[in-house]
């Protein structure tokens, strides 16, 4: 596991923060899925709009391809177009289970990385990238689609999800990352 003390090198800190951000975004998507009915998970106003369910399936594919496969070396067979074409609904419970599972697989890979691994090259999805680039890509990609899931959830439920309520109460733990 990545050392959690404050005397980390910037690259060690990059790994620590990346794992934290992965966990945080996955938790936020889980909160959203917990607020939605199965019908809402698959709701779309237009055919070109992605349903929350499609976004979660897509994120699972991206995380698996880039981290579990691309960095971790496991065999991955991904059909990216099918992630967006899916119309047979999976339940919010099933989507949450899939997302948790792939996130845990990714965490295991990330926790095993060392600073020496970060400049190593990998070929992922037709791109030649460093391990650092691959990790960064997954974290930013997850954050992008997490924001879409949050936006859709608020629109479908009319509810504030309360992700920053702790700031009002001053409950932030010392050393807690945003």
Protein backbone atom coordinates (compact mmCIF):
# COMPACT_ATOMS: atom_id res chain seq x y z
CA UNK A 1 0.00 0.00 0.00
CA UNK A 2 1.14 3.53 -0.69
CA UNK A 3 2.71 5.12 2.39
CA UNK A 4 0.32 7.65 3.96
CA UNK A 5 2.79 9.90 5.78
CA UNK A 6 3.42 13.51 4.80
CA UNK A 7 7.09 13.01 3.82
CA UNK A 8 6.07 11.43 0.52
CA UNK A 9 7.72 12.29 -2.74
CA UNK A 10 5.42 14.05 -5.20
CA UNK A 11 5.06 10.83 -7.20
CA UNK A 12 4.23 8.78 -4.11
CA UNK A 13 1.68 11.45 -3.24
CA UNK A 14 0.28 11.20 -6.79
CA UNK A 15 -0.39 7.49 -6.24
CA UNK A 16 -1.94 8.11 -2.81
CA UNK A 17 -4.20 10.89 -4.09
CA UNK A 18 -5.17 8.85 -7.17
CA UNK A 19 -6.37 5.97 -4.99
CA UNK A 20 -8.26 8.43 -2.78
CA UNK A 21 -9.92 10.08 -5.78
CA UNK A 22 -10.90 6.71 -7.25
CA UNK A 23 -12.55 5.71 -3.97
CA UNK A 24 -14.27 9.08 -3.53
CA UNK A 25 -15.76 9.16 -7.03
CA UNK A 26 -16.93 5.55 -6.80
CA UNK A 27 -18.60 6.31 -3.44
CA UNK A 28 -20.38 9.31 -4.96
CA UNK A 29 -21.67 7.23 -7.85
CA UNK A 30 -22.87 4.61 -5.35
CA UNK A 31 -24.77 7.33 -3.46
CA UNK A 32 -26.40 8.39 -6.72
CA UNK A 33 -27.37 4.83 -7.67
CA UNK A 34 -28.85 4.38 -4.20
CA UNK A 35 -31.10 7.44 -4.78
CA UNK A 36 -32.40 6.30 -8.17
CA UNK A 37 -35.07 3.81 -9.11
CA UNK A 38 -34.12 1.25 -11.72
CA UNK A 39 -36.24 3.17 -14.25
CA UNK A 40 -34.40 6.39 -13.44
CA UNK A 41 -31.03 4.66 -13.86
CA UNK A 42 -31.96 4.02 -17.49
CA UNK A 43 -33.87 7.26 -18.19
CA UNK A 44 -32.83 9.42 -21.11
CA UNK A 45 -34.57 12.41 -22.66
CA UNK A 46 -33.03 11.80 -26.07
CA UNK A 47 -31.54 8.76 -27.77
CA UNK A 48 -28.11 10.43 -27.93
CA UNK A 49 -28.10 11.09 -24.17
CA UNK A 50 -26.31 8.59 -21.96
CA UNK A 51 -28.34 7.03 -19.19
CA UNK A 52 -26.69 6.74 -15.77
CA UNK A 53 -26.60 2.98 -16.32
CA UNK A 54 -24.61 3.40 -19.54
CA UNK A 55 -22.16 5.73 -17.82
CA UNK A 56 -21.54 3.21 -15.03
CA UNK A 57 -21.03 0.35 -17.52
CA UNK A 58 -18.67 2.60 -19.49
CA UNK A 59 -16.68 3.50 -16.38
CA UNK A 60 -16.32 -0.17 -15.49
CA UNK A 61 -14.97 -0.83 -18.98
CA UNK A 62 -12.56 2.10 -18.85
CA UNK A 63 -11.18 1.28 -15.40
CA UNK A 64 -10.79 -2.39 -16.29
CA UNK A 65 -9.08 -1.68 -19.62
CA UNK A 66 -6.71 1.04 -18.45
CA UNK A 67 -5.77 -0.02 -14.92
CA UNK A 68 -6.62 -3.70 -14.46
CA UNK A 69 -5.53 -4.66 -17.97
CA UNK A 70 -3.22 -1.91 -19.18
CA UNK A 71 -1.26 -1.46 -15.97
CA UNK A 72 -2.02 -4.69 -14.12
CA UNK A 73 -1.49 -6.95 -17.12
CA UNK A 74 -4.73 -8.91 -16.85
CA UNK A 75 -6.48 -9.95 -20.04
CA UNK A 76 -9.38 -7.62 -20.84
CA UNK A 77 -11.91 -7.95 -23.63
CA UNK A 78 -13.75 -4.64 -23.92
CA UNK A 79 -16.47 -3.54 -26.35
CA UNK A 80 -16.63 0.21 -25.74
CA UNK A 81 -19.48 0.79 -28.20
CA UNK A 82 -21.60 -1.84 -26.42
CA UNK A 83 -21.24 0.10 -23.15
CA UNK A 84 -23.23 2.96 -24.68
CA UNK A 85 -25.55 0.77 -26.76
CA UNK A 86 -26.83 -1.20 -23.74
CA UNK A 87 -30.60 -0.82 -23.46
CA UNK A 88 -31.55 -3.89 -21.44
CA UNK A 89 -31.58 -2.43 -17.96
CA UNK A 90 -29.43 -3.74 -15.17
CA UNK A 91 -30.58 -2.91 -11.65
CA UNK A 92 -28.93 -0.16 -9.64
CA UNK A 93 -27.80 -2.92 -7.27
CA UNK A 94 -26.09 -4.84 -10.09
CA UNK A 95 -24.41 -1.69 -11.41
CA UNK A 96 -23.17 -0.80 -7.93
CA UNK A 97 -21.81 -4.31 -7.50
CA UNK A 98 -19.97 -4.19 -10.82
CA UNK A 99 -18.50 -0.76 -10.12
CA UNK A 100 -17.33 -1.77 -6.63
CA UNK A 101 -15.75 -4.93 -8.00
CA UNK A 102 -13.76 -3.25 -10.76
CA UNK A 103 -12.76 -0.39 -8.45
CA UNK A 104 -11.40 -2.89 -5.93
CA UNK A 105 -9.44 -4.66 -8.68
CA UNK A 106 -8.01 -1.29 -9.74
CA UNK A 107 -7.09 -0.37 -6.16
CA UNK A 108 -5.13 -3.61 -5.82
CA UNK A 109 -3.16 -2.74 -8.96
CA UNK A 110 -2.58 0.86 -7.85
CA UNK A 111 -1.54 -0.15 -4.32
CA UNK A 112 1.19 -2.38 -5.79
CA UNK A 113 2.70 0.37 -7.93
CA UNK A 114 5.96 2.03 -7.02
CA UNK A 115 7.36 5.33 -8.19
CA UNK A 116 9.70 3.36 -10.46
CA UNK A 117 6.65 1.98 -12.32
CA UNK A 118 5.24 5.39 -13.26
CA UNK A 119 7.47 6.17 -16.28
CA UNK A 120 7.08 2.68 -17.77
CA UNK A 121 5.31 2.53 -21.12
CA UNK A 122 2.11 0.62 -21.79
CA UNK A 123 -0.01 0.26 -24.93
CA UNK A 124 -3.63 0.81 -23.94
CA UNK A 125 -6.58 1.28 -26.28
CA UNK A 126 -4.16 1.91 -29.14
CA UNK A 127 -2.19 4.59 -27.27
CA UNK A 128 1.36 4.31 -25.98
CA UNK A 129 1.31 5.97 -22.56
CA UNK A 130 3.23 5.92 -19.32
CA UNK A 131 1.74 4.26 -16.27
CA UNK A 132 1.43 7.74 -14.73
CA UNK A 133 -0.55 8.92 -17.77
CA UNK A 134 -2.83 5.87 -17.58
CA UNK A 135 -3.57 6.46 -13.88
CA UNK A 136 -4.19 10.16 -14.50
CA UNK A 137 -6.47 9.36 -17.43
CA UNK A 138 -8.64 7.01 -15.38
CA UNK A 139 -8.95 9.42 -12.45
CA UNK A 140 -9.91 12.39 -14.65
CA UNK A 141 -12.23 10.26 -16.80
CA UNK A 142 -13.95 8.89 -13.69
CA UNK A 143 -14.35 12.43 -12.30
CA UNK A 144 -15.84 13.64 -15.59
CA UNK A 145 -18.50 10.95 -15.73
CA UNK A 146 -19.09 11.07 -11.97
CA UNK A 147 -20.11 14.70 -12.46
CA UNK A 148 -22.52 13.64 -15.18
CA UNK A 149 -24.02 10.98 -12.90
CA UNK A 150 -24.42 13.54 -10.10
CA UNK A 151 -26.03 16.06 -12.46
CA UNK A 152 -28.44 13.43 -13.81
CA UNK A 153 -29.29 12.22 -10.30
CA UNK A 154 -30.10 15.72 -9.07
CA UNK A 155 -32.24 16.31 -12.15
CA UNK A 156 -34.11 13.03 -11.77
CA UNK A 157 -34.68 13.26 -8.02
CA UNK A 158 -34.72 16.99 -7.28
CA UNK A 159 -32.53 16.27 -4.24
CA UNK A 160 -29.27 17.71 -2.96
CA UNK A 161 -26.90 14.81 -2.50
CA UNK A 162 -25.06 16.47 0.40
CA UNK A 163 -21.51 15.70 -0.64
CA UNK A 164 -20.15 18.88 0.93
CA UNK A 165 -22.45 19.20 3.93
CA UNK A 166 -19.53 18.36 6.21
CA UNK A 167 -17.99 21.76 5.37
CA UNK A 168 -20.97 23.55 6.91
CA UNK A 169 -20.55 21.60 10.13
CA UNK A 170 -16.76 21.97 10.24
CA UNK A 171 -16.47 18.18 10.43
CA UNK A 172 -13.49 17.85 8.12
CA UNK A 173 -11.00 15.45 9.63
CA UNK A 174 -7.36 16.59 9.90
CA UNK A 175 -5.45 15.34 6.87
CA UNK A 176 -8.64 14.54 4.95
CA UNK A 177 -8.34 15.10 1.22
CA UNK A 178 -11.06 17.00 -0.63
